[in-house]
Amino acid sequence: MIYRVGLLTISDRGAKGLRTDTSGPLLAQRIVRLPGQVDRQGIVPDDIEAIRKWLLHAADHDHLDLVLTTGGTGLAPSDVTPEATLSVIERIVPGLSEILRMEGYCKSPYAILSRAVAGVRGRTLMINLPGSPRAVLEGLEILMPILPHALDKMKGDLSDCGSS
């Protein structure tokens, strides 16, 4: 099965064309290993309403399986990605953001400052990733073994989760 994926970069400078987005293209290159295909990709500024609108369209109109965001998860006043995501998800999946912070902390103590969240809207899993290319790649490495199982469960797979 090939999962339908949306990738959203949150960056004021990127949205204005003042900075080249490198994290979004990195995600796009790696997501094929899921296996996934990018059906929607975009860049929006650090603006709650712009982020919300994009996420709602991806889940409610495009019916994507997975949406990964990159950027806007830190402590800067403009970092509003977690707030926007929390406003659209229906069920939080705290273990995903917890493992990203925990494993990330092993590589950089600053990873613990991430406010990234993960959750579900309808049948779309949404996960916030940091904005740096290195953190995006590290986060994706952590998530790749988990994502197929999570996405299959969301699609209605009723098989047992544990091994016999």
N, C-alpha and C. Protein backbone atom coordinates (compact mmCIF):
# COMPACT_ATOMS: atom_id res chain seq x y z
N MET A 1 0.83 -1.17 0.00
CA MET A 1 0.00 0.00 0.00
C MET A 1 0.88 1.25 0.00
N ILE A 2 0.52 2.21 -0.80
CA ILE A 2 1.23 3.49 -0.84
C ILE A 2 0.35 4.51 -0.13
N TYR A 3 0.92 5.15 0.88
CA TYR A 3 0.19 6.13 1.68
C TYR A 3 0.24 7.50 1.02
N ARG A 4 -0.85 8.21 1.12
CA ARG A 4 -0.97 9.57 0.57
C ARG A 4 -0.52 10.56 1.63
N VAL A 5 0.44 11.40 1.29
CA VAL A 5 1.11 12.25 2.28
C VAL A 5 1.05 13.72 1.88
N GLY A 6 0.90 14.56 2.89
CA GLY A 6 1.00 16.00 2.72
C GLY A 6 2.18 16.52 3.52
N LEU A 7 2.91 17.47 2.95
CA LEU A 7 4.07 18.05 3.61
C LEU A 7 3.89 19.56 3.66
N LEU A 8 3.96 20.11 4.87
CA LEU A 8 3.77 21.54 5.04
C LEU A 8 4.96 22.14 5.78
N THR A 9 5.61 23.10 5.14
CA THR A 9 6.69 23.85 5.75
C THR A 9 6.11 25.14 6.30
N ILE A 10 6.42 25.44 7.56
CA ILE A 10 5.96 26.67 8.19
C ILE A 10 7.17 27.58 8.36
N SER A 11 7.16 28.69 7.63
CA SER A 11 8.30 29.61 7.66
C SER A 11 7.88 30.95 7.09
N ASP A 12 8.01 32.01 7.89
CA ASP A 12 7.71 33.35 7.38
C ASP A 12 8.59 33.69 6.20
N ARG A 13 9.89 33.49 6.34
CA ARG A 13 10.83 33.84 5.26
C ARG A 13 10.64 32.93 4.05
N GLY A 14 10.38 31.65 4.28
CA GLY A 14 10.16 30.73 3.16
C GLY A 14 8.90 31.09 2.39
N ALA A 15 7.84 31.46 3.10
CA ALA A 15 6.58 31.82 2.44
C ALA A 15 6.73 33.09 1.61
N LYS A 16 7.66 33.98 2.01
CA LYS A 16 7.89 35.22 1.27
C LYS A 16 8.94 35.04 0.17
N GLY A 17 9.51 33.85 0.04
CA GLY A 17 10.54 33.60 -0.96
C GLY A 17 11.90 34.14 -0.59
N LEU A 18 12.09 34.46 0.69
CA LEU A 18 13.37 35.00 1.15
C LEU A 18 14.33 33.91 1.61
N ARG A 19 13.84 32.69 1.70
CA ARG A 19 14.65 31.57 2.16
C ARG A 19 14.21 30.33 1.39
N THR A 20 15.17 29.54 0.96
CA THR A 20 14.87 28.30 0.26
C THR A 20 14.51 27.22 1.27
N ASP A 21 13.39 26.58 1.05
CA ASP A 21 12.96 25.48 1.92
C ASP A 21 13.81 24.25 1.62
N THR A 22 14.52 23.75 2.62
CA THR A 22 15.30 22.53 2.44
C THR A 22 14.67 21.35 3.17
N SER A 23 13.95 21.61 4.26
CA SER A 23 13.35 20.52 5.04
C SER A 23 12.21 19.84 4.29
N GLY A 24 11.35 20.62 3.64
CA GLY A 24 10.24 20.04 2.87
C GLY A 24 10.72 19.09 1.79
N PRO A 25 11.67 19.52 0.94
CA PRO A 25 12.19 18.62 -0.09
C PRO A 25 12.87 17.37 0.49
N LEU A 26 13.55 17.52 1.64
CA LEU A 26 14.15 16.34 2.28
C LEU A 26 13.08 15.33 2.67
N LEU A 27 11.98 15.83 3.24
CA LEU A 27 10.87 14.94 3.59
C LEU A 27 10.32 14.27 2.34
N ALA A 28 10.15 15.02 1.29
CA ALA A 28 9.60 14.48 0.04
C ALA A 28 10.48 13.37 -0.52
N GLN A 29 11.81 13.55 -0.44
CA GLN A 29 12.73 12.53 -0.94
C GLN A 29 12.64 11.25 -0.11
N ARG A 30 12.49 11.39 1.19
CA ARG A 30 12.53 10.23 2.09
C ARG A 30 11.19 9.51 2.24
N ILE A 31 10.09 10.21 2.00
CA ILE A 31 8.77 9.63 2.29
C ILE A 31 8.45 8.46 1.36
N VAL A 32 9.13 8.38 0.21
CA VAL A 32 8.89 7.25 -0.70
C VAL A 32 9.24 5.93 -0.04
N ARG A 33 10.12 5.96 0.96
CA ARG A 33 10.49 4.73 1.67
C ARG A 33 9.39 4.22 2.58
N LEU A 34 8.37 5.00 2.81
CA LEU A 34 7.29 4.63 3.75
C LEU A 34 6.59 3.34 3.35
N PRO A 35 6.08 3.07 2.23
CA PRO A 35 6.09 3.82 1.00
C PRO A 35 4.98 4.87 0.97
N GLY A 36 5.35 6.05 0.52
CA GLY A 36 4.38 7.13 0.43
C GLY A 36 4.58 7.96 -0.81
N GLN A 37 3.52 8.65 -1.19
CA GLN A 37 3.61 9.59 -2.30
C GLN A 37 3.10 10.93 -1.80
N VAL A 38 3.79 11.98 -2.19
CA VAL A 38 3.40 13.32 -1.77
C VAL A 38 2.29 13.81 -2.68
N ASP A 39 1.09 13.94 -2.12
CA ASP A 39 -0.06 14.42 -2.88
C ASP A 39 -0.32 15.91 -2.69
N ARG A 40 0.29 16.48 -1.65
CA ARG A 40 0.10 17.91 -1.38
C ARG A 40 1.33 18.42 -0.64
N GLN A 41 1.87 19.54 -1.10
CA GLN A 41 3.05 20.12 -0.46
C GLN A 41 2.91 21.63 -0.50
N GLY A 42 3.31 22.29 0.59
CA GLY A 42 3.18 23.73 0.61
C GLY A 42 4.07 24.40 1.64
N ILE A 43 4.09 25.72 1.54
CA ILE A 43 4.80 26.56 2.51
C ILE A 43 3.83 27.66 2.92
N VAL A 44 3.68 27.84 4.23
CA VAL A 44 2.85 28.93 4.75
C VAL A 44 3.65 29.68 5.80
N PRO A 45 3.26 30.92 6.08
CA PRO A 45 3.95 31.68 7.13
C PRO A 45 3.58 31.16 8.52
N ASP A 46 4.30 31.63 9.51
CA ASP A 46 4.00 31.30 10.91
C ASP A 46 2.74 32.04 11.33
N ASP A 47 1.62 31.52 10.90
CA ASP A 47 0.32 32.14 11.14
C ASP A 47 -0.69 31.04 11.44
N ILE A 48 -1.31 31.10 12.61
CA ILE A 48 -2.21 30.02 13.03
C ILE A 48 -3.28 29.75 11.98
N GLU A 49 -3.92 30.79 11.46
CA GLU A 49 -5.02 30.58 10.51
C GLU A 49 -4.53 29.98 9.19
N ALA A 50 -3.38 30.39 8.72
CA ALA A 50 -2.84 29.83 7.47
C ALA A 50 -2.51 28.35 7.67
N ILE A 51 -1.93 28.01 8.80
CA ILE A 51 -1.60 26.61 9.10
C ILE A 51 -2.87 25.79 9.24
N ARG A 52 -3.83 26.29 10.02
CA ARG A 52 -5.11 25.60 10.22
C ARG A 52 -5.80 25.31 8.88
N LYS A 53 -5.87 26.33 8.04
CA LYS A 53 -6.55 26.19 6.75
C LYS A 53 -5.91 25.08 5.92
N TRP A 54 -4.58 25.06 5.88
CA TRP A 54 -3.87 24.04 5.11
C TRP A 54 -4.13 22.65 5.68
N LEU A 55 -4.03 22.52 7.01
CA LEU A 55 -4.25 21.21 7.65
C LEU A 55 -5.68 20.72 7.46
N LEU A 56 -6.65 21.61 7.62
CA LEU A 56 -8.05 21.22 7.44
C LEU A 56 -8.32 20.75 6.01
N HIS A 57 -7.76 21.45 5.03
CA HIS A 57 -7.95 21.06 3.64
C HIS A 57 -7.31 19.68 3.38
N ALA A 58 -6.12 19.48 3.92
CA ALA A 58 -5.41 18.20 3.72
C ALA A 58 -6.20 17.03 4.30
N ALA A 59 -6.83 17.24 5.45
CA ALA A 59 -7.58 16.14 6.10
C ALA A 59 -9.00 16.01 5.56
N ASP A 60 -9.72 17.12 5.49
CA ASP A 60 -11.15 17.07 5.19
C ASP A 60 -11.48 17.06 3.70
N HIS A 61 -10.62 17.62 2.89
CA HIS A 61 -10.87 17.67 1.44
C HIS A 61 -10.03 16.64 0.70
N ASP A 62 -8.73 16.64 0.98
CA ASP A 62 -7.82 15.72 0.28
C ASP A 62 -7.83 14.32 0.87
N HIS A 63 -8.28 14.18 2.11
CA HIS A 63 -8.32 12.88 2.81
C HIS A 63 -6.97 12.17 2.78
N LEU A 64 -5.92 12.92 3.10
CA LEU A 64 -4.58 12.34 3.12
C LEU A 64 -4.44 11.40 4.31
N ASP A 65 -3.55 10.43 4.18
CA ASP A 65 -3.28 9.50 5.27
C ASP A 65 -2.39 10.13 6.34
N LEU A 66 -1.44 10.93 5.89
CA LEU A 66 -0.42 11.48 6.78
C LEU A 66 -0.09 12.90 6.36
N VAL A 67 0.04 13.78 7.36
CA VAL A 67 0.54 15.14 7.12
C VAL A 67 1.71 15.36 8.07
N LEU A 68 2.84 15.73 7.50
CA LEU A 68 4.02 16.09 8.28
C LEU A 68 4.26 17.57 8.12
N THR A 69 4.41 18.26 9.24
CA THR A 69 4.77 19.67 9.18
C THR A 69 6.21 19.81 9.61
N THR A 70 6.85 20.86 9.14
CA THR A 70 8.22 21.15 9.55
C THR A 70 8.32 22.64 9.84
N GLY A 71 8.79 22.95 11.04
CA GLY A 71 8.99 24.33 11.43
C GLY A 71 7.93 24.83 12.40
N GLY A 72 8.30 25.88 13.13
CA GLY A 72 7.36 26.56 14.01
C GLY A 72 7.04 25.84 15.31
N THR A 73 7.94 24.96 15.77
CA THR A 73 7.64 24.17 16.97
C THR A 73 8.43 24.60 18.20
N GLY A 74 9.22 25.64 18.08
CA GLY A 74 10.09 26.04 19.18
C GLY A 74 9.47 27.04 20.13
N LEU A 75 10.32 27.85 20.74
CA LEU A 75 9.89 28.79 21.77
C LEU A 75 9.80 30.23 21.30
N ALA A 76 10.15 30.50 20.06
CA ALA A 76 10.06 31.87 19.54
C ALA A 76 8.59 32.31 19.56
N PRO A 77 8.34 33.59 19.77
CA PRO A 77 6.96 34.08 19.78
C PRO A 77 6.18 33.74 18.50
N SER A 78 6.87 33.63 17.38
CA SER A 78 6.19 33.32 16.11
C SER A 78 5.92 31.83 15.92
N ASP A 79 6.46 30.98 16.77
CA ASP A 79 6.29 29.53 16.63
C ASP A 79 4.90 29.11 17.11
N VAL A 80 3.99 28.90 16.16
CA VAL A 80 2.60 28.60 16.50
C VAL A 80 2.08 27.30 15.89
N THR A 81 2.97 26.51 15.32
CA THR A 81 2.53 25.26 14.68
C THR A 81 1.81 24.33 15.65
N PRO A 82 2.30 24.11 16.88
CA PRO A 82 1.58 23.22 17.78
C PRO A 82 0.16 23.72 18.11
N GLU A 83 0.02 25.02 18.31
CA GLU A 83 -1.31 25.57 18.60
C GLU A 83 -2.27 25.36 17.43
N ALA A 84 -1.78 25.59 16.22
CA ALA A 84 -2.61 25.40 15.03
C ALA A 84 -3.01 23.93 14.89
N THR A 85 -2.05 23.05 15.11
CA THR A 85 -2.31 21.61 14.98
C THR A 85 -3.30 21.15 16.04
N LEU A 86 -3.10 21.56 17.28
CA LEU A 86 -4.02 21.18 18.36
C LEU A 86 -5.45 21.67 18.09
N SER A 87 -5.57 22.76 17.37
CA SER A 87 -6.91 23.29 17.10
C SER A 87 -7.67 22.50 16.04
N VAL A 88 -6.98 21.64 15.28
CA VAL A 88 -7.67 20.87 14.25
C VAL A 88 -7.73 19.37 14.53
N ILE A 89 -6.81 18.85 15.34
CA ILE A 89 -6.85 17.41 15.59
C ILE A 89 -8.00 17.07 16.54
N GLU A 90 -8.48 15.84 16.41
CA GLU A 90 -9.59 15.35 17.24
C GLU A 90 -9.08 14.44 18.35
N ARG A 91 -7.96 13.79 18.10
CA ARG A 91 -7.35 12.89 19.11
C ARG A 91 -5.86 13.10 19.10
N ILE A 92 -5.29 13.34 20.27
CA ILE A 92 -3.85 13.53 20.38
C ILE A 92 -3.15 12.17 20.45
N VAL A 93 -1.96 12.08 19.89
CA VAL A 93 -1.14 10.87 19.95
C VAL A 93 0.18 11.28 20.60
N PRO A 94 0.18 11.40 21.94
CA PRO A 94 1.34 11.96 22.63
C PRO A 94 2.61 11.15 22.51
N GLY A 95 2.51 9.84 22.34
CA GLY A 95 3.71 9.01 22.26
C GLY A 95 4.62 9.37 21.11
N LEU A 96 4.04 9.83 20.00
CA LEU A 96 4.87 10.18 18.85
C LEU A 96 5.74 11.40 19.14
N SER A 97 5.14 12.45 19.69
CA SER A 97 5.95 13.64 19.99
C SER A 97 6.90 13.38 21.16
N GLU A 98 6.49 12.51 22.07
CA GLU A 98 7.37 12.16 23.19
C GLU A 98 8.62 11.42 22.72
N ILE A 99 8.45 10.47 21.80
CA ILE A 99 9.62 9.70 21.32
C ILE A 99 10.53 10.60 20.48
N LEU A 100 9.94 11.53 19.72
CA LEU A 100 10.76 12.45 18.95
C LEU A 100 11.63 13.32 19.86
N ARG A 101 11.04 13.80 20.94
CA ARG A 101 11.82 14.62 21.89
C ARG A 101 12.85 13.77 22.62
N MET A 102 12.45 12.59 23.07
CA MET A 102 13.35 11.73 23.84
C MET A 102 14.56 11.30 23.01
N GLU A 103 14.30 10.79 21.82
CA GLU A 103 15.40 10.35 20.96
C GLU A 103 16.21 11.54 20.46
N GLY A 104 15.53 12.63 20.17
CA GLY A 104 16.23 13.83 19.73
C GLY A 104 17.16 14.37 20.80
N TYR A 105 16.75 14.27 22.05
CA TYR A 105 17.56 14.75 23.17
C TYR A 105 18.90 14.00 23.24
N CYS A 106 18.91 12.74 22.84
CA CYS A 106 20.15 11.96 22.84
C CYS A 106 21.17 12.54 21.86
N LYS A 107 20.70 13.28 20.86
CA LYS A 107 21.60 13.86 19.86
C LYS A 107 21.85 15.34 20.11
N SER A 108 20.87 16.03 20.68
CA SER A 108 21.01 17.45 20.99
C SER A 108 20.11 17.78 22.18
N PRO A 109 20.67 18.38 23.23
CA PRO A 109 19.84 18.71 24.39
C PRO A 109 18.72 19.70 24.05
N TYR A 110 18.87 20.45 22.96
CA TYR A 110 17.85 21.42 22.58
C TYR A 110 16.56 20.77 22.08
N ALA A 111 16.61 19.51 21.70
CA ALA A 111 15.42 18.81 21.21
C ALA A 111 14.30 18.81 22.23
N ILE A 112 14.64 18.85 23.49
CA ILE A 112 13.64 18.81 24.56
C ILE A 112 12.80 20.10 24.57
N LEU A 113 13.28 21.15 23.91
CA LEU A 113 12.55 22.41 23.85
C LEU A 113 11.46 22.41 22.78
N SER A 114 11.41 21.38 21.97
CA SER A 114 10.37 21.29 20.95
C SER A 114 9.00 21.15 21.59
N ARG A 115 8.04 21.89 21.06
CA ARG A 115 6.65 21.81 21.53
C ARG A 115 5.78 21.04 20.53
N ALA A 116 6.42 20.32 19.62
CA ALA A 116 5.71 19.59 18.57
C ALA A 116 4.65 18.66 19.15
N VAL A 117 3.56 18.50 18.39
CA VAL A 117 2.48 17.60 18.79
C VAL A 117 2.17 16.66 17.63
N ALA A 118 1.40 15.63 17.93
CA ALA A 118 0.93 14.68 16.92
C ALA A 118 -0.50 14.31 17.27
N GLY A 119 -1.30 14.09 16.25
CA GLY A 119 -2.69 13.72 16.51
C GLY A 119 -3.40 13.32 15.23
N VAL A 120 -4.68 13.01 15.39
CA VAL A 120 -5.49 12.48 14.31
C VAL A 120 -6.70 13.39 14.09
N ARG A 121 -6.96 13.67 12.84
CA ARG A 121 -8.22 14.30 12.43
C ARG A 121 -8.85 13.38 11.40
N GLY A 122 -10.02 12.87 11.71
CA GLY A 122 -10.65 11.90 10.82
C GLY A 122 -9.75 10.69 10.69
N ARG A 123 -9.27 10.45 9.47
CA ARG A 123 -8.33 9.35 9.23
C ARG A 123 -6.98 9.88 8.76
N THR A 124 -6.65 11.09 9.18
CA THR A 124 -5.38 11.71 8.81
C THR A 124 -4.53 11.87 10.06
N LEU A 125 -3.35 11.29 10.04
CA LEU A 125 -2.39 11.46 11.13
C LEU A 125 -1.55 12.69 10.83
N MET A 126 -1.44 13.59 11.81
CA MET A 126 -0.67 14.82 11.66
C MET A 126 0.45 14.83 12.68
N ILE A 127 1.66 15.10 12.21
CA ILE A 127 2.83 15.11 13.09
C ILE A 127 3.66 16.34 12.80
N ASN A 128 3.97 17.09 13.86
CA ASN A 128 4.87 18.26 13.74
C ASN A 128 6.31 17.81 13.89
N LEU A 129 7.15 18.29 13.01
CA LEU A 129 8.60 18.09 13.09
C LEU A 129 9.27 19.44 13.21
N PRO A 130 10.47 19.49 13.77
CA PRO A 130 11.21 20.76 13.83
C PRO A 130 11.53 21.26 12.42
N GLY A 131 12.08 22.45 12.35
CA GLY A 131 12.37 23.05 11.05
C GLY A 131 13.74 22.75 10.47
N SER A 132 14.70 22.36 11.30
CA SER A 132 16.05 22.15 10.77
C SER A 132 16.11 20.86 9.96
N PRO A 133 16.83 20.88 8.85
CA PRO A 133 16.94 19.66 8.03
C PRO A 133 17.47 18.47 8.82
N ARG A 134 18.46 18.68 9.67
CA ARG A 134 19.01 17.58 10.46
C ARG A 134 17.95 16.96 11.38
N ALA A 135 17.21 17.81 12.07
CA ALA A 135 16.17 17.32 12.98
C ALA A 135 15.05 16.62 12.22
N VAL A 136 14.73 17.11 11.02
CA VAL A 136 13.72 16.46 10.18
C VAL A 136 14.15 15.05 9.82
N LEU A 137 15.40 14.89 9.37
CA LEU A 137 15.90 13.57 9.00
C LEU A 137 15.93 12.63 10.21
N GLU A 138 16.40 13.14 11.34
CA GLU A 138 16.44 12.32 12.56
C GLU A 138 15.04 11.92 12.99
N GLY A 139 14.10 12.86 12.92
CA GLY A 139 12.72 12.56 13.30
C GLY A 139 12.09 11.53 12.39
N LEU A 140 12.34 11.66 11.10
CA LEU A 140 11.78 10.71 10.15
C LEU A 140 12.34 9.31 10.37
N GLU A 141 13.63 9.22 10.70
CA GLU A 141 14.24 7.91 11.01
C GLU A 141 13.53 7.25 12.20
N ILE A 142 13.18 8.04 13.18
CA ILE A 142 12.48 7.52 14.36
C ILE A 142 11.08 7.06 13.99
N LEU A 143 10.40 7.82 13.14
CA LEU A 143 9.00 7.55 12.81
C LEU A 143 8.79 6.44 11.79
N MET A 144 9.73 6.24 10.88
CA MET A 144 9.51 5.31 9.77
C MET A 144 9.10 3.90 10.18
N PRO A 145 9.69 3.32 11.23
CA PRO A 145 9.24 1.97 11.60
C PRO A 145 7.83 1.94 12.20
N ILE A 146 7.35 3.07 12.68
CA ILE A 146 6.06 3.15 13.38
C ILE A 146 4.92 3.50 12.43
N LEU A 147 5.20 4.33 11.45
CA LEU A 147 4.15 4.91 10.62
C LEU A 147 3.28 3.90 9.87
N PRO A 148 3.83 2.88 9.20
CA PRO A 148 2.94 1.96 8.48
C PRO A 148 1.91 1.31 9.39
N HIS A 149 2.33 0.89 10.57
CA HIS A 149 1.39 0.27 11.51
C HIS A 149 0.32 1.27 11.94
N ALA A 150 0.74 2.48 12.29
CA ALA A 150 -0.21 3.50 12.72
C ALA A 150 -1.21 3.83 11.62
N LEU A 151 -0.72 4.00 10.40
CA LEU A 151 -1.60 4.35 9.29
C LEU A 151 -2.54 3.21 8.93
N ASP A 152 -2.06 1.97 9.00
CA ASP A 152 -2.93 0.82 8.74
C ASP A 152 -4.05 0.74 9.78
N LYS A 153 -3.72 0.98 11.04
CA LYS A 153 -4.73 0.97 12.10
C LYS A 153 -5.78 2.04 11.84
N MET A 154 -5.34 3.20 11.41
CA MET A 154 -6.29 4.28 11.13
C MET A 154 -7.20 3.97 9.95
N LYS A 155 -6.71 3.11 9.06
CA LYS A 155 -7.51 2.71 7.90
C LYS A 155 -8.48 1.56 8.24
N GLY A 156 -8.42 1.09 9.49
CA GLY A 156 -9.37 0.07 9.91
C GLY A 156 -8.81 -1.32 10.11
N ASP A 157 -7.50 -1.48 10.05
CA ASP A 157 -6.88 -2.79 10.30
C ASP A 157 -7.24 -3.27 11.71
N LEU A 158 -7.89 -4.40 11.81
CA LEU A 158 -8.35 -4.91 13.09
C LEU A 158 -7.45 -5.99 13.68
N SER A 159 -6.33 -6.28 13.02
CA SER A 159 -5.45 -7.32 13.53
C SER A 159 -4.82 -6.88 14.85
N ASP A 160 -4.38 -7.86 15.64
CA ASP A 160 -3.76 -7.56 16.93
C ASP A 160 -2.47 -6.78 16.73
N CYS A 161 -2.19 -5.92 17.67
CA CYS A 161 -0.98 -5.10 17.59
C CYS A 161 0.25 -5.85 18.12
N GLY A 162 0.07 -6.70 19.12
CA GLY A 162 1.20 -7.41 19.71
C GLY A 162 1.53 -8.68 18.97
N SER A 163 2.74 -9.16 19.17
CA SER A 163 3.10 -10.44 18.56
C SER A 163 2.56 -11.58 19.41
N SER A 164 2.45 -12.71 18.79
CA SER A 164 1.88 -13.88 19.47
C SER A 164 2.82 -14.44 20.50
